[in-house]
C-alpha atoms as a PDB file:
ATOM      1  CA  MET A   1      18.292  19.714  13.639  1.00  0.00           C
ATOM      2  CA  GLN A   2      19.603  23.230  13.012  1.00  0.00           C
ATOM      3  CA  SER A   3      20.002  22.557   9.298  1.00  0.00           C
ATOM      4  CA  LEU A   4      16.403  21.342   9.143  1.00  0.00           C
ATOM      5  CA  GLN A   5      15.230  24.479  10.928  1.00  0.00           C
ATOM      6  CA  LYS A   6      17.210  26.701   8.543  1.00  0.00           C
ATOM      7  CA  PHE A   7      15.765  24.822   5.569  1.00  0.00           C
ATOM      8  CA  ALA A   8      12.239  25.269   6.915  1.00  0.00           C
ATOM      9  CA  GLU A   9      12.778  28.965   7.571  1.00  0.00           C
ATOM     10  CA  HIS A  10      13.953  29.556   4.013  1.00  0.00           C
ATOM     11  CA  SER A  11      11.606  27.244   2.138  1.00  0.00           C
ATOM     12  CA  TYR A  12       8.199  27.603   3.791  1.00  0.00           C
ATOM     13  CA  THR A  13       6.028  30.136   1.989  1.00  0.00           C
ATOM     14  CA  GLY A  14       3.268  30.299   4.578  1.00  0.00           C
ATOM     15  CA  THR A  15       0.605  28.852   2.306  1.00  0.00           C
ATOM     16  CA  VAL A  16      -0.876  25.396   2.028  1.00  0.00           C
ATOM     17  CA  THR A  17      -1.525  24.305  -1.516  1.00  0.00           C
ATOM     18  CA  MET A  18      -3.147  20.910  -0.992  1.00  0.00           C
ATOM     19  CA  SER A  19      -6.933  20.820  -0.838  1.00  0.00           C
ATOM     20  CA  ALA A  20      -9.187  18.130   0.559  1.00  0.00           C
ATOM     21  CA  VAL A  21      -9.598  14.966  -1.475  1.00  0.00           C
ATOM     22  CA  LYS A  22     -13.216  14.400  -2.473  1.00  0.00           C
ATOM     23  CA  THR A  23     -13.090  11.190  -4.491  1.00  0.00           C
ATOM     24  CA  VAL A  24     -11.103   7.974  -4.556  1.00  0.00           C
ATOM     25  CA  GLY A  25      -9.910   8.950  -8.039  1.00  0.00           C
ATOM     26  CA  GLU A  26      -8.457  12.215  -6.710  1.00  0.00           C
ATOM     27  CA  LEU A  27      -6.668  10.346  -3.928  1.00  0.00           C
ATOM     28  CA  ALA A  28      -5.249   7.803  -6.385  1.00  0.00           C
ATOM     29  CA  GLU A  29      -4.000  10.595  -8.637  1.00  0.00           C
ATOM     30  CA  ARG A  30      -2.234  12.335  -5.762  1.00  0.00           C
ATOM     31  CA  LEU A  31      -0.647   9.127  -4.537  1.00  0.00           C
ATOM     32  CA  ARG A  32       0.550   8.104  -8.000  1.00  0.00           C
ATOM     33  CA  SER A  33       3.715  10.189  -7.664  1.00  0.00           C
ATOM     34  CA  ALA A  34       4.227   9.556  -3.942  1.00  0.00           C
ATOM     35  CA  GLY A  35       7.202   7.546  -2.858  1.00  0.00           C
ATOM     36  CA  PRO A  36       6.880   4.450  -0.718  1.00  0.00           C
ATOM     37  CA  PRO A  37       6.050   5.016   2.950  1.00  0.00           C
ATOM     38  CA  SER A  38       8.922   5.160   5.389  1.00  0.00           C
ATOM     39  CA  GLU A  39       9.133   2.745   8.314  1.00  0.00           C
ATOM     40  CA  ASP A  40       7.666   5.358  10.671  1.00  0.00           C
ATOM     41  CA  ASP A  41       4.946   6.521   8.260  1.00  0.00           C
ATOM     42  CA  VAL A  42       1.983   5.075  10.166  1.00  0.00           C
ATOM     43  CA  THR A  43      -1.080   6.351  11.936  1.00  0.00           C
ATOM     44  CA  ILE A  44      -0.662   6.458  15.712  1.00  0.00           C
ATOM     45  CA  LEU A  45      -3.857   6.775  17.735  1.00  0.00           C
ATOM     46  CA  LEU A  46      -4.178   8.905  20.867  1.00  0.00           C
ATOM     47  CA  ASP A  47      -3.966   5.740  22.977  1.00  0.00           C
ATOM     48  CA  GLY A  48      -0.604   4.911  21.369  1.00  0.00           C
ATOM     49  CA  ARG A  49      -1.772   2.100  19.089  1.00  0.00           C
ATOM     50  CA  ARG A  50      -0.023   1.982  15.722  1.00  0.00           C
ATOM     51  CA  ILE A  51      -2.179   1.297  12.678  1.00  0.00           C
ATOM     52  CA  ASP A  52       0.641  -0.282  10.721  1.00  0.00           C
ATOM     53  CA  SER A  53      -0.942  -3.377   9.231  1.00  0.00           C
ATOM     54  CA  LYS A  54      -4.083  -4.541   7.502  1.00  0.00           C
ATOM     55  CA  GLU A  55      -5.111  -6.377  10.670  1.00  0.00           C
ATOM     56  CA  ALA A  56      -4.676  -3.263  12.842  1.00  0.00           C
ATOM     57  CA  ALA A  57      -6.744  -1.206  10.385  1.00  0.00           C
ATOM     58  CA  GLU A  58      -9.487  -3.844  10.302  1.00  0.00           C
ATOM     59  CA  GLN A  59      -9.586  -3.933  14.109  1.00  0.00           C
ATOM     60  CA  LEU A  60      -9.883  -0.134  14.275  1.00  0.00           C
ATOM     61  CA  LEU A  61     -12.675  -0.118  11.683  1.00  0.00           C
ATOM     62  CA  ALA A  62     -14.531  -2.826  13.645  1.00  0.00           C
ATOM     63  CA  GLU A  63     -14.264  -0.667  16.787  1.00  0.00           C
ATOM     64  CA  VAL A  64     -15.550   2.399  14.923  1.00  0.00           C
ATOM     65  CA  ASP A  65     -18.442   0.356  13.512  1.00  0.00           C
ATOM     66  CA  ALA A  66     -19.337  -0.918  17.006  1.00  0.00           C
ATOM     67  CA  ILE A  67     -19.354   2.644  18.364  1.00  0.00           C
ATOM     68  CA  ARG A  68     -21.582   3.828  15.521  1.00  0.00           C
ATOM     69  CA  THR A  69     -23.947   0.885  16.007  1.00  0.00           C
ATOM     70  CA  SER A  70     -24.239   1.542  19.756  1.00  0.00           C
ATOM     71  CA  ARG A  71     -24.883   5.250  19.200  1.00  0.00           C
ATOM     72  CA  VAL A  72     -27.627   4.478  16.700  1.00  0.00           C
ATOM     73  CA  ALA A  73     -29.186   2.025  19.173  1.00  0.00           C
ATOM     74  CA  LEU A  74     -29.081   4.618  21.962  1.00  0.00           C
ATOM     75  CA  ASN A  75     -30.828   7.173  19.767  1.00  0.00           C
ATOM     76  CA  ASP A  76     -33.429   4.742  18.404  1.00  0.00           C
ATOM     77  CA  PRO A  77     -36.835   6.418  18.725  1.00  0.00           C
ATOM     78  CA  ASN A  78     -38.611   3.002  18.571  1.00  0.00           C
ATOM     79  CA  LYS A  79     -37.435   1.895  22.048  1.00  0.00           C
END
């Protein structure tokens, strides 16, 4: 851990060079040179769920869609 801290102290310049990705093409270009993900390179939600598979991602997207649909229904001016 100390060697990592020393490395960080001597290598971090204090600036962030990466900007937001605006298109799928930009994302693909940035990922072209990326190495494969490590075993622990997954999204972990605040409730502790790991989005580490296609099925987990699909389930999360279905939940997000349901929340959006319910919010739209609650704000429907035609009720």
